Every structure is written in structure tokens, then in C-alpha cells.
Protein backbone atom coordinates (compact mmCIF):
# COMPACT_ATOMS: atom_id res chain seq x y z
CA MET A 1 -14.95 -1.05 9.75
CA LYS A 2 -14.56 1.16 12.81
CA THR A 3 -11.29 3.04 13.21
CA TYR A 4 -9.74 4.57 16.33
CA VAL A 5 -6.47 6.34 17.05
CA SER A 6 -5.97 4.86 20.53
CA PRO A 7 -7.23 1.88 22.54
CA GLY A 8 -8.99 4.16 24.99
CA GLN A 9 -11.38 5.34 22.28
CA ARG A 10 -13.09 2.01 21.70
CA PRO A 11 -15.82 0.46 23.89
CA ASP A 12 -14.70 -1.44 26.98
CA THR A 13 -15.25 -4.94 25.61
CA ALA A 14 -13.13 -8.05 25.07
CA THR A 15 -11.34 -8.43 21.75
CA VAL A 16 -8.91 -10.49 19.74
CA VAL A 17 -5.99 -8.36 18.54
CA ALA A 18 -3.38 -8.60 15.79
CA ILE A 19 -0.47 -6.17 16.02
CA GLY A 20 1.89 -4.91 13.34
CA SER A 21 2.64 -2.25 10.73
CA PHE A 22 0.69 -4.13 8.02
CA ASP A 23 2.49 -2.09 5.36
CA GLY A 24 1.04 -3.22 2.04
CA VAL A 25 -1.24 -5.81 3.70
CA HIS A 26 0.62 -8.53 1.80
CA LEU A 27 0.02 -12.30 1.87
CA GLY A 28 1.86 -12.66 5.17
CA HIS A 29 -0.36 -10.02 6.75
CA GLN A 30 -3.39 -11.71 5.25
CA ALA A 31 -2.39 -14.94 7.02
CA LEU A 32 -2.31 -13.00 10.31
CA ILE A 33 -5.74 -11.57 9.54
CA ALA A 34 -7.14 -15.03 8.79
CA GLN A 35 -5.90 -16.25 12.19
CA LEU A 36 -7.27 -13.11 13.86
CA LYS A 37 -10.73 -13.64 12.37
CA ALA A 38 -10.76 -17.33 13.30
CA LYS A 39 -9.94 -16.53 16.92
CA ALA A 40 -12.50 -13.71 17.00
CA ARG A 41 -15.19 -16.12 15.81
CA GLU A 42 -14.08 -18.66 18.41
CA HIS A 43 -14.39 -16.14 21.24
CA ARG A 44 -17.33 -14.25 19.69
CA VAL A 45 -15.63 -10.88 20.09
CA PRO A 46 -14.55 -8.19 17.62
CA SER A 47 -11.37 -8.64 15.57
CA VAL A 48 -9.04 -5.67 16.06
CA VAL A 49 -5.88 -4.73 14.17
CA TYR A 50 -3.54 -2.49 16.16
CA THR A 51 -1.34 -0.80 13.57
CA PHE A 52 0.91 2.22 13.20
CA ASP A 53 0.99 5.28 10.95
CA PRO A 54 3.48 5.63 9.43
CA PRO A 55 4.76 2.04 9.45
CA THR A 56 7.56 1.67 11.99
CA ARG A 57 10.40 1.32 9.47
CA VAL A 58 9.37 4.52 7.69
CA LEU A 59 10.24 6.40 10.87
CA THR A 60 13.16 4.29 12.10
CA GLN A 61 14.85 3.51 8.75
CA GLY A 62 13.51 6.13 6.35
CA VAL A 63 12.08 3.59 3.88
CA GLU A 64 9.18 4.36 1.55
CA PHE A 65 5.77 2.99 2.47
CA LEU A 66 3.68 0.61 0.38
CA SER A 67 0.29 1.80 1.58
CA THR A 68 -0.94 5.14 2.84
CA LEU A 69 -3.15 5.01 5.91
CA PRO A 70 -6.38 5.32 3.83
CA GLU A 71 -5.15 2.55 1.51
CA LYS A 72 -4.27 0.33 4.46
CA LEU A 73 -7.62 0.91 6.18
CA ASP A 74 -9.46 0.14 2.95
CA LEU A 75 -7.57 -3.14 2.58
CA LEU A 76 -8.07 -4.19 6.21
CA GLY A 77 -11.79 -3.54 5.84
CA ARG A 78 -11.95 -5.54 2.61
CA TYR A 79 -10.20 -8.46 4.29
CA GLY A 80 -12.87 -8.53 6.99
CA VAL A 81 -11.31 -6.85 10.04
CA ASP A 82 -13.95 -5.44 12.41
CA GLU A 83 -11.97 -2.59 13.98
CA THR A 84 -8.62 -0.88 13.53
CA ILE A 85 -6.56 1.17 15.95
CA ALA A 86 -4.17 3.31 13.89
CA ALA A 87 -1.73 4.84 16.37
CA SER A 88 0.38 7.80 15.27
CA PHE A 89 3.94 6.42 15.24
CA THR A 90 6.04 9.40 16.28
CA PRO A 91 9.53 9.52 17.85
CA GLU A 92 7.76 9.99 21.19
CA PHE A 93 5.62 6.89 20.65
CA ALA A 94 8.66 4.86 19.55
CA SER A 95 10.60 5.88 22.69
CA ARG A 96 7.92 4.73 25.14
CA PRO A 97 8.91 1.84 27.44
CA LYS A 98 7.39 -1.54 26.71
CA GLU A 99 5.15 -1.26 29.79
CA ALA A 100 3.31 1.69 28.23
CA PHE A 101 2.43 -0.39 25.18
CA LEU A 102 1.34 -3.29 27.38
CA ASP A 103 -0.95 -0.87 29.23
CA ASP A 104 -2.48 0.06 25.87
CA LEU A 105 -3.15 -3.59 25.16
CA ARG A 106 -4.72 -4.19 28.55
CA GLN A 107 -7.38 -1.61 27.64
CA LEU A 108 -8.41 -3.87 24.75
CA ARG A 109 -9.01 -6.84 27.08
CA PRO A 110 -7.56 -9.28 24.54
CA ARG A 111 -8.61 -12.92 24.71
CA THR A 112 -5.94 -13.67 22.11
CA VAL A 113 -3.08 -11.65 20.61
CA VAL A 114 -1.83 -12.61 17.13
CA VAL A 115 1.63 -11.48 15.97
CA GLY A 116 4.53 -12.53 13.82
CA GLU A 117 7.07 -14.60 15.69
CA ASP A 118 9.72 -11.84 15.48
CA PHE A 119 7.43 -9.12 16.88
CA HIS A 120 9.06 -6.64 19.26
CA PHE A 121 7.85 -3.37 20.73
CA GLY A 122 8.77 -0.53 23.03
CA ARG A 123 11.95 1.51 23.37
CA GLY A 124 14.92 -0.43 22.03
CA ARG A 125 12.55 -3.22 20.91
CA ALA A 126 12.68 -4.38 24.52
CA GLY A 127 9.26 -6.06 24.49
CA GLY A 128 8.57 -9.43 22.93
CA VAL A 129 6.17 -12.34 22.75
CA ASP A 130 6.72 -13.39 26.36
CA ASP A 131 5.64 -9.93 27.52
CA LEU A 132 2.42 -10.21 25.55
CA ARG A 133 1.49 -13.27 27.59
CA ARG A 134 1.21 -10.96 30.61
CA VAL A 135 -1.82 -9.22 29.07
CA ALA A 136 -3.55 -12.03 27.14
CA PRO A 137 -4.31 -15.65 28.12
CA GLU A 138 -3.33 -16.75 24.60
CA VAL A 139 -0.65 -15.47 22.23
CA VAL A 140 -0.53 -16.91 18.71
CA THR A 141 2.73 -16.40 16.78
CA LEU A 142 3.03 -17.01 13.07
CA PRO A 143 6.36 -17.72 11.33
CA MET A 144 7.49 -15.73 8.31
CA HIS A 145 5.07 -16.58 5.50
CA GLN A 146 6.69 -17.86 2.31
CA LEU A 147 5.67 -18.25 -1.30
CA GLY A 148 7.71 -20.60 -3.45
CA GLY A 149 10.51 -20.53 -0.90
CA GLU A 150 10.64 -16.73 -0.85
CA ASP A 151 9.97 -14.77 2.35
CA ILE A 152 6.91 -12.54 2.05
CA LYS A 153 7.83 -9.21 3.60
CA SER A 154 7.40 -5.53 2.83
CA THR A 155 11.17 -5.09 2.36
CA ARG A 156 11.16 -7.63 -0.49
CA ILE A 157 8.18 -5.96 -2.14
CA ARG A 158 9.98 -2.60 -2.07
CA GLU A 159 12.98 -4.28 -3.72
CA TYR A 160 10.75 -5.57 -6.51
CA LEU A 161 9.28 -2.10 -7.00
CA ARG A 162 12.72 -0.45 -7.15
CA ALA A 163 13.56 -2.90 -9.94
CA GLY A 164 10.30 -2.07 -11.74
CA ASP A 165 9.11 -5.66 -11.25
CA VAL A 166 5.45 -5.02 -10.50
CA VAL A 167 4.58 -8.66 -11.25
CA GLY A 168 6.97 -9.84 -8.53
CA ALA A 169 5.58 -7.28 -6.09
CA GLY A 170 2.03 -8.30 -6.94
CA ARG A 171 2.80 -11.96 -6.38
CA LEU A 172 3.77 -11.28 -2.73
CA LEU A 173 0.87 -8.87 -2.23
CA GLY A 174 -1.73 -11.27 -3.59
CA ARG A 175 -3.03 -8.48 -5.84
CA HIS A 176 -1.70 -5.84 -8.22
CA TYR A 177 0.31 -3.07 -6.56
CA ASP A 178 -1.57 0.21 -6.70
CA ALA A 179 -1.26 3.88 -5.87
CA GLN A 180 -4.08 6.33 -5.18
CA GLY A 181 -3.93 10.06 -5.64
CA VAL A 182 -5.65 13.20 -6.88
CA VAL A 183 -5.34 14.45 -10.48
CA VAL A 184 -3.67 17.86 -10.45
CA GLN A 185 -2.58 20.41 -13.03
CA GLY A 186 0.57 19.42 -14.91
CA ASP A 187 2.55 21.20 -17.60
CA ARG A 188 0.25 19.84 -20.36
CA LEU A 189 3.18 18.56 -22.43
CA GLY A 190 1.41 15.27 -23.14
CA ARG A 191 -1.56 17.11 -24.59
CA THR A 192 0.64 19.08 -26.99
CA ILE A 193 2.15 15.89 -28.46
CA GLY A 194 -1.15 14.02 -28.73
CA TRP A 195 -0.87 11.92 -25.57
CA PRO A 196 -2.72 13.74 -22.77
CA THR A 197 -1.99 12.46 -19.28
CA ALA A 198 -3.50 12.73 -15.83
CA ASN A 199 -0.83 14.03 -13.46
CA ILE A 200 -1.46 12.19 -10.19
CA ARG A 201 -0.25 13.55 -6.86
CA VAL A 202 0.48 10.88 -4.27
CA PRO A 203 1.73 11.48 -0.72
CA ASP A 204 5.46 12.00 -0.26
CA GLY A 205 7.11 8.72 0.69
CA LYS A 206 4.76 6.47 -1.29
CA ALA A 207 6.78 3.75 -3.05
CA LEU A 208 6.41 3.95 -6.82
CA PRO A 209 8.22 1.89 -9.45
CA LEU A 210 10.11 3.96 -12.04
CA GLY A 211 9.50 3.45 -15.74
CA VAL A 212 6.59 2.91 -18.09
CA PHE A 213 3.82 0.45 -17.18
CA ALA A 214 0.57 -1.03 -18.42
CA VAL A 215 -2.05 -0.02 -15.85
CA VAL A 216 -5.73 -0.08 -15.02
CA ALA A 217 -7.12 3.10 -13.48
CA VAL A 218 -10.25 3.18 -11.33
CA GLY A 219 -12.22 6.31 -10.50
CA ASP A 220 -15.73 7.63 -10.04
CA PRO A 221 -18.18 5.21 -11.74
CA ALA A 222 -20.18 8.22 -12.95
CA LEU A 223 -17.33 9.27 -15.24
CA GLU A 224 -16.97 8.42 -18.90
CA GLY A 225 -16.22 4.73 -19.37
CA GLY A 226 -17.80 3.76 -16.06
CA GLY A 227 -14.81 4.86 -14.02
CA ARG A 228 -12.48 2.07 -15.14
CA TRP A 229 -9.92 2.44 -17.90
CA HIS A 230 -6.94 0.67 -19.38
CA GLY A 231 -3.91 2.85 -19.88
CA MET A 232 -0.19 3.35 -19.45
CA ALA A 233 1.68 5.15 -16.72
CA ASN A 234 5.02 6.90 -16.72
CA VAL A 235 6.71 7.30 -13.35
CA GLY A 236 9.95 9.23 -13.29
CA PHE A 237 11.79 12.46 -13.89
CA ARG A 238 11.15 12.96 -17.64
CA PRO A 239 14.80 13.29 -18.76
CA THR A 240 13.84 14.25 -22.34
CA VAL A 241 12.44 17.58 -21.07
CA ASN A 242 14.97 17.90 -18.21
CA GLY A 243 12.40 17.27 -15.50
CA GLN A 244 13.55 17.89 -11.94
CA ASP A 245 10.86 16.22 -9.83
CA ARG A 246 9.30 12.77 -9.86
CA ARG A 247 6.04 12.70 -11.80
CA PHE A 248 3.32 10.07 -11.91
CA GLU A 249 1.45 10.50 -15.18
CA VAL A 250 -1.21 8.22 -16.64
CA HIS A 251 -2.63 8.18 -20.16
CA LEU A 252 -6.07 6.57 -20.27
CA PHE A 253 -7.03 4.80 -23.47
CA ASP A 254 -10.25 5.91 -25.15
CA PHE A 255 -10.95 8.69 -22.63
CA SER A 256 -11.51 12.35 -23.44
CA GLY A 257 -12.98 13.87 -20.28
CA ASP A 258 -11.64 16.15 -17.54
CA LEU A 259 -10.23 14.46 -14.44
CA TYR A 260 -8.87 17.44 -12.49
CA GLY A 261 -9.63 17.06 -8.80
CA GLN A 262 -10.72 13.44 -9.21
CA GLU A 263 -9.13 10.65 -7.16
CA LEU A 264 -7.78 7.72 -9.14
CA GLN A 265 -6.53 4.33 -8.06
CA VAL A 266 -3.90 3.07 -10.50
CA LYS A 267 -3.08 -0.64 -10.58
CA PHE A 268 0.25 -1.71 -12.08
CA PHE A 269 -0.03 -4.74 -14.36
CA ALA A 270 3.18 -4.92 -16.41
CA HIS A 271 6.53 -3.17 -16.80
CA LEU A 272 7.02 -2.01 -20.39
CA ARG A 273 10.41 -0.29 -20.24
CA GLY A 274 12.66 1.80 -18.07
CA GLU A 275 12.84 5.56 -18.21
CA GLN A 276 15.05 6.87 -21.01
CA LYS A 277 16.11 10.13 -22.63
CA PHE A 278 15.16 10.76 -26.26
CA SER A 279 16.74 13.11 -28.77
CA GLY A 280 13.58 15.16 -29.09
CA LEU A 281 9.79 15.20 -28.93
CA ASP A 282 9.34 13.37 -32.26
CA GLU A 283 11.36 10.40 -31.04
CA LEU A 284 9.46 10.52 -27.73
CA LYS A 285 6.09 10.51 -29.55
CA ALA A 286 7.09 7.51 -31.63
CA GLN A 287 8.13 5.59 -28.52
CA ILE A 288 4.92 6.49 -26.69
CA ALA A 289 2.93 5.06 -29.61
CA ARG A 290 4.88 1.80 -29.29
CA ASP A 291 4.34 1.85 -25.51
CA ALA A 292 0.59 2.24 -26.01
CA GLN A 293 0.49 -0.73 -28.35
CA ALA A 294 2.48 -2.82 -25.87
CA ALA A 295 0.20 -1.76 -22.99
CA ARG A 296 -2.95 -2.66 -24.92
CA GLU A 297 -1.47 -6.06 -25.66
CA ALA A 298 -0.52 -6.62 -22.01
CA LEU A 299 -4.04 -5.73 -20.91
CA LYS A 300 -6.00 -7.49 -23.66
CA ASP A 301 -7.37 -10.16 -21.30
CA VAL A 302 -8.03 -7.77 -18.38
CA ARG A 303 -11.62 -6.75 -17.80
């Protein structure tokens, strides 16, 4: 998939365009993408997603994001989008008048524009669907996608994650929620109590559920175990040792190698328990052993 940072970078050809933040690329976004691809096939032109980094509400409301830009681009490519324009969403970009955004779209020569029915753009959200019809002969609007009567939206997925409900979040995503990051040096406490962990650094602002979870980690296929391991993750502030910062630590079952500097993708499968403070390391070790047993059971049918 080709990626640009502005419409002026791409070749001067006709397109079909879908516009939005696409944070998490959930089932609602996937419905937009399906419509985008169908229209692109109909017109025999490239399918283009015009998206924003960070997602608009991260800047305007200070919310956490579900997908980093690399994660989002990977998902859009996997779902079959031909090209992506990932505009840097800054205060300056957000304050542009709607006409400036319409000028951007004109450069893409859209045969069709696909958006959600509540899509707005430009300073003060002044632009709407009717304005899009000034730059494209066809505008397709999709209503809020629902699953079992529940609206599928990034806000709802963040609510599930705050509650530790990774199954609920995954249901609206159409896949297991995941986080990608690099393994960095930790304080090695897990190693000293017999449960070594990979300390994973993710970008600030990435939404992570707090607690202990059954997970599957994916890394370099050349590593021990073929680069795919079952395990358990602890996300939180480690109250037993008076931790001050949020940590994302993963113990991989049946793995003994060195992962420093490696990038891991961690998929959340089940919530095992919330974060809690123990009386000491012996009580913590006993609980971790029970967590490991529970995680193995939760993952017994996962390949």
C-alpha cells in the first residue's frame, strides 16, 4: 500500500476516497472500506483512505488512541486499501477553513467520496456532506454501524478497554485488540522471582487495558518458538513494589531467549484479574503462578 502525507504527493489520477480518523479500524471502518473498494472497482481507479494522525479526538478531546499510525497503516493495507494519505492533524490543520480541505480533495479527483453520515470537517466542523458534493459527483454516506444493537465506535471500544473488557473491545474491532512496541530494559524484578518479563515500550497515548491478561505475542519468526508465543501480560503501576509509572510487561510461556530491542505485537485474549497490591513478593509469586495457569487454560484452543 502506498502512503502519502498530503494529496499533492500522489499522482494526478482519479480516485475513490474514504475520509475519517479510522482509529482502531473497527467493524464500522471496515464497512466503509468495503464500500470504498466496491466503488473503486466500479470506476477502475485506486481506493484511497484520507486519514489523520493523530486521530482528531486525540487532539481535540485528549483521548487515548487505539492504533498508532504504523498499526493503522498495517490494518488498512491488510483490508485491501490501495493508497493512504495520512495528514498530520495539528492545531493549525484543525483550524483551517472548510474550503482548504475541499481544495485538498479536489487534488484527488474523486469519482466517489465515502464517509460516515455524521462526517464534518474544517474549522468549527463547518463542513459537511453537502459540501463534499461540490468536489465529487457521488457522495456515499454510511449510518453508524451496529452489532447486536450496539453502536460500533472508537469511544465505545475505549470504554471497554478502561473496564478491562478486551473481549468486548475485540467484538467491535472484529479482531483481538493489540499493542505493538519495543522490548526495553526493565528493573528485572520478574526474573528475580522466577517470572521473567519483557518490558514493552509503547507510544505515549496508546490505550491499554489495566490488569492481568492472557495474551498471544508475535515477533520475529526467526526467534525461538517461531516468533509466536502464548503468555500473560500485566499492565499497570505495580502497587506491590510501589511503582510510579505505567508498565506493560509480558511473560512468555516456554521461552528463554533474549528479546531486548525486538518489536512485539501483543494480542489481548482474556482478562484474568484487576491489578492488586500484595503483602509481599511471596504472595505475589503465588498469585502469578495461578495467573499463569488461568492464562494457559484461556489459551488452550488458540493456535
